[in-house]
């Protein structure tokens, strides 16, 4: 049975264009949620899990990288503000 609430959440998620891996992960989940696929064999089930884990890891690394960039930008902005206050 298709989980329509999950599908709605997946379809409405906003992902920045630069976050390609996150988009691939959400697209993969959406495709499988829409198809309501259930693995017929243990091998297919393992392949699905491997695919999901690979996409999830790539997506999470992308998020961590983005957070690192935001942190660096905020630190630089803070240093510039401190320098301006010292003038």
N, C-alpha and C. Protein backbone atom coordinates (compact mmCIF):
# COMPACT_ATOMS: atom_id res chain seq x y z
N UNK A 1 0.83 -1.18 0.00
CA UNK A 1 0.00 0.00 0.00
C UNK A 1 0.88 1.25 0.00
N UNK A 2 0.55 2.20 -0.82
CA UNK A 2 1.30 3.45 -0.93
C UNK A 2 0.97 4.35 0.26
N UNK A 3 2.00 4.87 0.90
CA UNK A 3 1.83 5.80 2.02
C UNK A 3 1.74 7.21 1.45
N UNK A 4 0.52 7.71 1.29
CA UNK A 4 0.31 9.01 0.65
C UNK A 4 0.87 10.17 1.46
N UNK A 5 0.88 10.04 2.77
CA UNK A 5 1.44 11.10 3.61
C UNK A 5 2.95 11.19 3.39
N UNK A 6 3.62 10.05 3.32
CA UNK A 6 5.05 10.03 3.05
C UNK A 6 5.34 10.61 1.67
N UNK A 7 4.55 10.22 0.68
CA UNK A 7 4.73 10.76 -0.66
C UNK A 7 4.58 12.28 -0.69
N UNK A 8 3.60 12.78 0.00
CA UNK A 8 3.39 14.24 0.04
C UNK A 8 4.59 14.93 0.68
N UNK A 9 5.11 14.37 1.75
CA UNK A 9 6.29 14.95 2.41
C UNK A 9 7.49 14.92 1.47
N UNK A 10 7.71 13.80 0.80
CA UNK A 10 8.85 13.69 -0.12
C UNK A 10 8.72 14.66 -1.28
N UNK A 11 7.52 14.82 -1.80
CA UNK A 11 7.31 15.72 -2.93
C UNK A 11 7.43 17.19 -2.55
N UNK A 12 7.17 17.52 -1.30
CA UNK A 12 7.17 18.93 -0.90
C UNK A 12 8.49 19.39 -0.28
N UNK A 13 9.43 18.48 -0.09
CA UNK A 13 10.70 18.87 0.52
C UNK A 13 11.44 19.82 -0.41
N UNK A 14 12.05 20.85 0.17
CA UNK A 14 12.81 21.83 -0.60
C UNK A 14 14.30 21.54 -0.42
N UNK A 15 14.96 21.30 -1.52
CA UNK A 15 16.39 20.98 -1.49
C UNK A 15 17.12 21.99 -2.37
N UNK A 16 18.14 22.66 -1.82
CA UNK A 16 18.89 23.61 -2.65
C UNK A 16 19.48 22.91 -3.88
N UNK A 17 19.56 23.62 -4.98
CA UNK A 17 20.04 23.04 -6.24
C UNK A 17 21.43 22.45 -6.12
N UNK A 18 22.26 23.04 -5.30
CA UNK A 18 23.64 22.56 -5.16
C UNK A 18 23.73 21.22 -4.43
N UNK A 19 22.67 20.82 -3.76
CA UNK A 19 22.70 19.58 -2.97
C UNK A 19 22.20 18.42 -3.82
N UNK A 20 23.01 18.05 -4.79
CA UNK A 20 22.66 17.03 -5.78
C UNK A 20 22.43 15.67 -5.14
N UNK A 21 23.28 15.29 -4.21
CA UNK A 21 23.16 13.96 -3.59
C UNK A 21 21.88 13.86 -2.77
N UNK A 22 21.52 14.93 -2.10
CA UNK A 22 20.28 14.93 -1.33
C UNK A 22 19.08 14.80 -2.26
N UNK A 23 19.13 15.46 -3.41
CA UNK A 23 18.05 15.36 -4.39
C UNK A 23 17.94 13.93 -4.91
N UNK A 24 19.08 13.28 -5.19
CA UNK A 24 19.07 11.89 -5.65
C UNK A 24 18.43 10.98 -4.60
N UNK A 25 18.76 11.21 -3.33
CA UNK A 25 18.22 10.40 -2.24
C UNK A 25 16.71 10.54 -2.15
N UNK A 26 16.21 11.77 -2.18
CA UNK A 26 14.77 12.01 -2.10
C UNK A 26 14.06 11.46 -3.34
N UNK A 27 14.66 11.64 -4.50
CA UNK A 27 14.06 11.11 -5.73
C UNK A 27 13.96 9.59 -5.67
N UNK A 28 14.98 8.94 -5.16
CA UNK A 28 14.99 7.47 -5.04
C UNK A 28 13.88 7.02 -4.09
N UNK A 29 13.78 7.69 -2.94
CA UNK A 29 12.74 7.33 -1.98
C UNK A 29 11.35 7.56 -2.56
N UNK A 30 11.18 8.67 -3.28
CA UNK A 30 9.89 8.97 -3.90
C UNK A 30 9.52 7.90 -4.93
N UNK A 31 10.47 7.55 -5.77
CA UNK A 31 10.22 6.55 -6.81
C UNK A 31 9.76 5.23 -6.19
N UNK A 32 10.43 4.81 -5.13
CA UNK A 32 10.07 3.53 -4.51
C UNK A 32 8.78 3.63 -3.70
N UNK A 33 8.52 4.79 -3.12
CA UNK A 33 7.26 4.96 -2.39
C UNK A 33 6.07 4.98 -3.35
N UNK A 34 6.26 5.61 -4.51
CA UNK A 34 5.19 5.66 -5.52
C UNK A 34 4.90 4.28 -6.09
N UNK A 35 5.96 3.52 -6.31
CA UNK A 35 5.80 2.19 -6.91
C UNK A 35 5.34 1.16 -5.89
N UNK A 36 5.47 1.52 -4.60
CA UNK A 36 5.11 0.59 -3.53
C UNK A 36 5.81 -0.75 -3.75
N UNK A 37 7.11 -0.66 -4.01
CA UNK A 37 7.87 -1.87 -4.31
C UNK A 37 8.23 -2.63 -3.05
N UNK A 38 8.06 -3.90 -3.13
CA UNK A 38 8.49 -4.80 -2.07
C UNK A 38 9.36 -5.84 -2.74
N UNK A 39 10.51 -6.08 -2.18
CA UNK A 39 11.46 -7.00 -2.78
C UNK A 39 10.89 -8.40 -2.84
N UNK A 40 11.09 -9.03 -3.98
CA UNK A 40 10.61 -10.39 -4.16
C UNK A 40 11.57 -11.42 -3.58
N UNK A 41 12.86 -11.08 -3.56
CA UNK A 41 13.86 -12.03 -3.06
C UNK A 41 14.73 -11.34 -2.02
N UNK A 42 15.45 -12.16 -1.29
CA UNK A 42 16.38 -11.61 -0.29
C UNK A 42 17.47 -10.78 -0.98
N UNK A 43 17.92 -11.24 -2.14
CA UNK A 43 18.96 -10.51 -2.88
C UNK A 43 18.46 -9.14 -3.31
N UNK A 44 17.22 -9.05 -3.79
CA UNK A 44 16.65 -7.75 -4.18
C UNK A 44 16.51 -6.84 -2.96
N UNK A 45 16.12 -7.42 -1.84
CA UNK A 45 16.00 -6.64 -0.61
C UNK A 45 17.35 -6.09 -0.18
N UNK A 46 18.40 -6.90 -0.26
CA UNK A 46 19.74 -6.43 0.09
C UNK A 46 20.22 -5.35 -0.87
N UNK A 47 19.90 -5.51 -2.15
CA UNK A 47 20.30 -4.49 -3.13
C UNK A 47 19.59 -3.17 -2.84
N UNK A 48 18.31 -3.23 -2.52
CA UNK A 48 17.56 -2.01 -2.17
C UNK A 48 18.18 -1.34 -0.95
N UNK A 49 18.49 -2.11 0.08
CA UNK A 49 19.11 -1.54 1.28
C UNK A 49 20.47 -0.94 0.97
N UNK A 50 21.27 -1.61 0.15
CA UNK A 50 22.57 -1.07 -0.24
C UNK A 50 22.41 0.24 -0.98
N UNK A 51 21.45 0.31 -1.89
CA UNK A 51 21.19 1.53 -2.64
C UNK A 51 20.78 2.67 -1.70
N UNK A 52 19.84 2.37 -0.81
CA UNK A 52 19.36 3.39 0.12
C UNK A 52 20.49 3.87 1.03
N UNK A 53 21.28 2.95 1.56
CA UNK A 53 22.38 3.34 2.44
C UNK A 53 23.42 4.18 1.71
N UNK A 54 23.75 3.79 0.48
CA UNK A 54 24.72 4.58 -0.29
C UNK A 54 24.23 5.99 -0.54
N UNK A 55 22.97 6.12 -0.93
CA UNK A 55 22.40 7.45 -1.18
C UNK A 55 22.29 8.26 0.11
N UNK A 56 21.93 7.59 1.19
CA UNK A 56 21.78 8.29 2.47
C UNK A 56 23.14 8.79 2.97
N UNK A 57 24.17 7.98 2.84
CA UNK A 57 25.50 8.40 3.27
C UNK A 57 25.98 9.58 2.43
N UNK A 58 25.82 9.52 1.11
CA UNK A 58 26.23 10.63 0.25
C UNK A 58 25.46 11.90 0.60
N UNK A 59 24.18 11.76 0.86
CA UNK A 59 23.35 12.90 1.22
C UNK A 59 23.79 13.51 2.55
N UNK A 60 24.07 12.66 3.52
CA UNK A 60 24.49 13.16 4.83
C UNK A 60 25.85 13.85 4.77
N UNK A 61 26.76 13.30 3.98
CA UNK A 61 28.06 13.95 3.80
C UNK A 61 27.90 15.32 3.15
N UNK A 62 26.98 15.41 2.22
CA UNK A 62 26.70 16.68 1.56
C UNK A 62 26.15 17.69 2.58
N UNK A 63 25.26 17.25 3.45
CA UNK A 63 24.69 18.12 4.48
C UNK A 63 25.78 18.57 5.45
N UNK A 64 26.63 17.65 5.87
CA UNK A 64 27.72 18.00 6.78
C UNK A 64 28.66 19.02 6.14
N UNK A 65 28.96 18.83 4.87
CA UNK A 65 29.81 19.78 4.16
C UNK A 65 29.16 21.16 4.12
N UNK A 66 27.86 21.20 3.82
CA UNK A 66 27.14 22.48 3.77
C UNK A 66 27.14 23.15 5.14
N UNK A 67 26.95 22.38 6.19
CA UNK A 67 26.98 22.95 7.54
C UNK A 67 28.37 23.50 7.88
N UNK A 68 29.40 22.80 7.43
CA UNK A 68 30.76 23.29 7.64
C UNK A 68 31.00 24.61 6.94
N UNK A 69 30.47 24.74 5.73
CA UNK A 69 30.60 25.99 4.99
C UNK A 69 29.85 27.12 5.68
N UNK A 70 28.66 26.84 6.18
CA UNK A 70 27.88 27.85 6.90
C UNK A 70 28.62 28.28 8.16
N UNK A 71 29.16 27.31 8.89
CA UNK A 71 29.92 27.61 10.11
C UNK A 71 31.11 28.52 9.79
N UNK A 72 31.83 28.20 8.73
CA UNK A 72 32.99 29.00 8.35
C UNK A 72 32.58 30.42 7.98
N UNK A 73 31.49 30.55 7.23
CA UNK A 73 31.02 31.88 6.83
C UNK A 73 30.58 32.70 8.05
N UNK A 74 29.92 32.05 9.00
CA UNK A 74 29.49 32.76 10.21
C UNK A 74 30.69 33.20 11.05
N UNK A 75 31.69 32.35 11.15
CA UNK A 75 32.90 32.73 11.90
C UNK A 75 33.59 33.92 11.23
N UNK A 76 33.70 33.88 9.90
CA UNK A 76 34.33 34.99 9.17
C UNK A 76 33.53 36.28 9.36
N UNK A 77 32.22 36.18 9.31
CA UNK A 77 31.37 37.37 9.51
C UNK A 77 31.55 37.90 10.93
N UNK A 78 31.63 37.00 11.90
CA UNK A 78 31.85 37.42 13.30
C UNK A 78 33.18 38.12 13.47
N UNK A 79 34.21 37.63 12.83
CA UNK A 79 35.53 38.27 12.92
C UNK A 79 35.51 39.65 12.29
N UNK A 80 34.81 39.77 11.16
CA UNK A 80 34.71 41.09 10.50
C UNK A 80 33.95 42.07 11.40
N UNK A 81 32.88 41.60 12.06
CA UNK A 81 32.14 42.49 12.96
C UNK A 81 32.99 42.92 14.14
N UNK A 82 33.77 42.01 14.69
CA UNK A 82 34.66 42.36 15.80
C UNK A 82 35.68 43.37 15.37
N UNK A 83 36.20 43.22 14.16
CA UNK A 83 37.17 44.18 13.64
C UNK A 83 36.55 45.55 13.46
N UNK A 84 35.31 45.58 13.00
CA UNK A 84 34.62 46.87 12.83
C UNK A 84 34.35 47.54 14.17
N UNK A 85 34.04 46.74 15.20
CA UNK A 85 33.77 47.29 16.52
C UNK A 85 35.04 47.89 17.12
N UNK A 86 36.18 47.35 16.76
CA UNK A 86 37.46 47.82 17.30
C UNK A 86 37.94 49.12 16.69
N UNK A 87 37.30 49.55 15.65
CA UNK A 87 37.74 50.80 14.98
C UNK A 87 37.34 52.01 15.73
